């Protein structure tokens, strides 16, 4: 079981209640074990981070990135976060919110291949 920062629990709940359109669309396609019968969790706390979606059996994190992730600061933070996940044996897949909204089937195919 992965450790997590308990102080992020309420923030994680708030994020689940206020998902972006892209997150809602992706969630509708991966929830309820729709992909290979595997369970995903949304806005899951891992360490000091909250990831968009996490599949514990596959040790797979899926991130849906909005514009803030493409700034220099955003890229640096994502790199540090991805390194933390990698050290815990977790693969991170990143998709832009635009890709999720406009090419959901391609996104699902990429996730399917990683599972």
C-alpha atoms as a PDB file:
ATOM      1  CA  UNK A   1       0.000   0.000   0.000  1.00  0.00           C
ATOM      2  CA  UNK A   2       1.283   3.431  -0.907  1.00  0.00           C
ATOM      3  CA  UNK A   3       1.722   6.069   1.753  1.00  0.00           C
ATOM      4  CA  UNK A   4      -0.070   9.376   1.412  1.00  0.00           C
ATOM      5  CA  UNK A   5      -0.272  12.773   3.040  1.00  0.00           C
ATOM      6  CA  UNK A   6      -3.475  12.692   5.111  1.00  0.00           C
ATOM      7  CA  UNK A   7      -3.718  16.486   5.059  1.00  0.00           C
ATOM      8  CA  UNK A   8      -4.517  16.285   1.327  1.00  0.00           C
ATOM      9  CA  UNK A   9      -7.623  14.152   1.852  1.00  0.00           C
ATOM     10  CA  UNK A  10     -10.132  17.029   1.897  1.00  0.00           C
ATOM     11  CA  UNK A  11      -8.477  18.719  -1.075  1.00  0.00           C
ATOM     12  CA  UNK A  12      -8.729  15.426  -2.975  1.00  0.00           C
ATOM     13  CA  UNK A  13     -12.445  15.233  -2.186  1.00  0.00           C
ATOM     14  CA  UNK A  14     -12.927  18.789  -3.448  1.00  0.00           C
ATOM     15  CA  UNK A  15     -11.147  17.935  -6.692  1.00  0.00           C
ATOM     16  CA  UNK A  16     -13.473  14.950  -7.206  1.00  0.00           C
ATOM     17  CA  UNK A  17     -16.460  17.256  -6.825  1.00  0.00           C
ATOM     18  CA  UNK A  18     -15.030  19.819  -9.278  1.00  0.00           C
ATOM     19  CA  UNK A  19     -13.566  17.789 -12.126  1.00  0.00           C
ATOM     20  CA  UNK A  20     -12.789  19.435 -15.463  1.00  0.00           C
ATOM     21  CA  UNK A  21     -14.776  18.520 -18.577  1.00  0.00           C
ATOM     22  CA  UNK A  22     -11.848  16.449 -19.845  1.00  0.00           C
ATOM     23  CA  UNK A  23     -11.564  14.578 -16.535  1.00  0.00           C
ATOM     24  CA  UNK A  24     -15.312  13.895 -16.519  1.00  0.00           C
ATOM     25  CA  UNK A  25     -15.156  12.488 -20.047  1.00  0.00           C
ATOM     26  CA  UNK A  26     -12.165  10.260 -19.328  1.00  0.00           C
ATOM     27  CA  UNK A  27     -13.672   9.106 -16.029  1.00  0.00           C
ATOM     28  CA  UNK A  28     -16.845   8.076 -17.863  1.00  0.00           C
ATOM     29  CA  UNK A  29     -14.729   5.749 -20.008  1.00  0.00           C
ATOM     30  CA  UNK A  30     -12.513   4.168 -17.331  1.00  0.00           C
ATOM     31  CA  UNK A  31     -14.759   3.924 -14.274  1.00  0.00           C
ATOM     32  CA  UNK A  32     -16.553   0.756 -13.170  1.00  0.00           C
ATOM     33  CA  UNK A  33     -13.787  -1.519 -14.453  1.00  0.00           C
ATOM     34  CA  UNK A  34     -14.532  -0.775 -18.119  1.00  0.00           C
ATOM     35  CA  UNK A  35     -10.912  -1.290 -19.190  1.00  0.00           C
ATOM     36  CA  UNK A  36      -9.750  -4.884 -18.849  1.00  0.00           C
ATOM     37  CA  UNK A  37     -11.795  -5.232 -15.660  1.00  0.00           C
ATOM     38  CA  UNK A  38      -9.369  -2.989 -13.743  1.00  0.00           C
ATOM     39  CA  UNK A  39     -10.378  -0.544 -11.022  1.00  0.00           C
ATOM     40  CA  UNK A  40      -9.397   3.108 -11.328  1.00  0.00           C
ATOM     41  CA  UNK A  41      -9.606   5.750  -8.614  1.00  0.00           C
ATOM     42  CA  UNK A  42      -9.934   9.458  -9.288  1.00  0.00           C
ATOM     43  CA  UNK A  43      -8.080  12.246  -7.531  1.00  0.00           C
ATOM     44  CA  UNK A  44      -6.040   9.704  -5.570  1.00  0.00           C
ATOM     45  CA  UNK A  45      -3.466  10.883  -3.047  1.00  0.00           C
ATOM     46  CA  UNK A  46      -0.055   9.262  -3.465  1.00  0.00           C
ATOM     47  CA  UNK A  47       2.675  10.594  -1.216  1.00  0.00           C
ATOM     48  CA  UNK A  48       2.407  14.384  -1.283  1.00  0.00           C
ATOM     49  CA  UNK A  49       0.629  14.416  -4.636  1.00  0.00           C
ATOM     50  CA  UNK A  50      -2.920  14.043  -5.893  1.00  0.00           C
ATOM     51  CA  UNK A  51      -3.073  12.245  -9.231  1.00  0.00           C
ATOM     52  CA  UNK A  52      -6.016  12.501 -11.590  1.00  0.00           C
ATOM     53  CA  UNK A  53      -6.554   8.741 -11.994  1.00  0.00           C
ATOM     54  CA  UNK A  54      -4.803   5.708 -10.529  1.00  0.00           C
ATOM     55  CA  UNK A  55      -5.039   1.992 -11.243  1.00  0.00           C
ATOM     56  CA  UNK A  56      -3.317   0.139  -8.385  1.00  0.00           C
ATOM     57  CA  UNK A  57      -3.210  -3.283 -10.093  1.00  0.00           C
ATOM     58  CA  UNK A  58      -1.355  -1.852 -13.082  1.00  0.00           C
ATOM     59  CA  UNK A  59       0.530   0.762 -11.054  1.00  0.00           C
ATOM     60  CA  UNK A  60      -0.599   3.297 -13.633  1.00  0.00           C
ATOM     61  CA  UNK A  61      -1.316   6.995 -13.148  1.00  0.00           C
ATOM     62  CA  UNK A  62      -3.189   8.965 -15.783  1.00  0.00           C
ATOM     63  CA  UNK A  63      -2.842  12.733 -15.773  1.00  0.00           C
ATOM     64  CA  UNK A  64      -5.043  15.106 -17.786  1.00  0.00           C
ATOM     65  CA  UNK A  65      -3.016  18.256 -18.264  1.00  0.00           C
ATOM     66  CA  UNK A  66      -4.487  21.714 -18.735  1.00  0.00           C
ATOM     67  CA  UNK A  67      -2.596  24.818 -19.820  1.00  0.00           C
ATOM     68  CA  UNK A  68      -0.753  25.350 -16.523  1.00  0.00           C
ATOM     69  CA  UNK A  69       1.235  22.154 -17.146  1.00  0.00           C
ATOM     70  CA  UNK A  70       2.903  23.636 -20.238  1.00  0.00           C
ATOM     71  CA  UNK A  71       4.622  26.559 -18.514  1.00  0.00           C
ATOM     72  CA  UNK A  72       8.257  26.173 -17.442  1.00  0.00           C
ATOM     73  CA  UNK A  73       7.186  25.979 -13.789  1.00  0.00           C
ATOM     74  CA  UNK A  74       4.455  23.464 -14.572  1.00  0.00           C
ATOM     75  CA  UNK A  75       6.847  21.247 -16.519  1.00  0.00           C
ATOM     76  CA  UNK A  76       9.365  21.329 -13.652  1.00  0.00           C
ATOM     77  CA  UNK A  77       6.718  20.362 -11.100  1.00  0.00           C
ATOM     78  CA  UNK A  78       5.432  17.558 -13.337  1.00  0.00           C
ATOM     79  CA  UNK A  79       8.970  16.228 -13.797  1.00  0.00           C
ATOM     80  CA  UNK A  80       9.532  16.084 -10.023  1.00  0.00           C
ATOM     81  CA  UNK A  81       6.143  14.452  -9.521  1.00  0.00           C
ATOM     82  CA  UNK A  82       6.736  11.893 -12.287  1.00  0.00           C
ATOM     83  CA  UNK A  83      10.133  11.024 -10.766  1.00  0.00           C
ATOM     84  CA  UNK A  84       8.439  10.375  -7.421  1.00  0.00           C
ATOM     85  CA  UNK A  85       5.945   8.044  -9.092  1.00  0.00           C
ATOM     86  CA  UNK A  86       8.670   6.254 -11.036  1.00  0.00           C
ATOM     87  CA  UNK A  87      10.629   5.639  -7.802  1.00  0.00           C
ATOM     88  CA  UNK A  88       7.500   3.932  -6.474  1.00  0.00           C
ATOM     89  CA  UNK A  89       7.225   1.747  -9.582  1.00  0.00           C
ATOM     90  CA  UNK A  90       4.318   3.726 -11.027  1.00  0.00           C
ATOM     91  CA  UNK A  91       4.052   4.601 -14.709  1.00  0.00           C
ATOM     92  CA  UNK A  92       2.571   8.011 -15.534  1.00  0.00           C
ATOM     93  CA  UNK A  93       0.651   8.631 -18.754  1.00  0.00           C
ATOM     94  CA  UNK A  94      -0.021  12.277 -19.574  1.00  0.00           C
ATOM     95  CA  UNK A  95      -2.646  13.552 -21.979  1.00  0.00           C
ATOM     96  CA  UNK A  96      -3.600  17.116 -22.756  1.00  0.00           C
ATOM     97  CA  UNK A  97      -7.152  18.075 -21.912  1.00  0.00           C
ATOM     98  CA  UNK A  98      -7.566  18.893 -25.611  1.00  0.00           C
ATOM     99  CA  UNK A  99      -6.589  15.339 -26.626  1.00  0.00           C
ATOM    100  CA  UNK A 100      -9.069  13.876 -24.151  1.00  0.00           C
ATOM    101  CA  UNK A 101     -11.878  16.106 -25.393  1.00  0.00           C
ATOM    102  CA  UNK A 102     -11.179  15.730 -29.119  1.00  0.00           C
ATOM    103  CA  UNK A 103      -9.559  12.294 -29.417  1.00  0.00           C
ATOM    104  CA  UNK A 104     -10.951  10.252 -26.544  1.00  0.00           C
ATOM    105  CA  UNK A 105     -10.812   6.971 -28.485  1.00  0.00           C
ATOM    106  CA  UNK A 106      -7.097   7.419 -29.188  1.00  0.00           C
ATOM    107  CA  UNK A 107      -6.497   8.221 -25.506  1.00  0.00           C
ATOM    108  CA  UNK A 108      -8.420   5.098 -24.429  1.00  0.00           C
ATOM    109  CA  UNK A 109      -6.408   2.955 -26.886  1.00  0.00           C
ATOM    110  CA  UNK A 110      -3.121   4.221 -25.418  1.00  0.00           C
ATOM    111  CA  UNK A 111      -4.302   3.497 -21.883  1.00  0.00           C
ATOM    112  CA  UNK A 112      -5.538   0.036 -22.970  1.00  0.00           C
ATOM    113  CA  UNK A 113      -2.086  -0.816 -24.396  1.00  0.00           C
ATOM    114  CA  UNK A 114      -0.355   0.193 -21.134  1.00  0.00           C
ATOM    115  CA  UNK A 115      -2.714  -1.904 -19.008  1.00  0.00           C
END
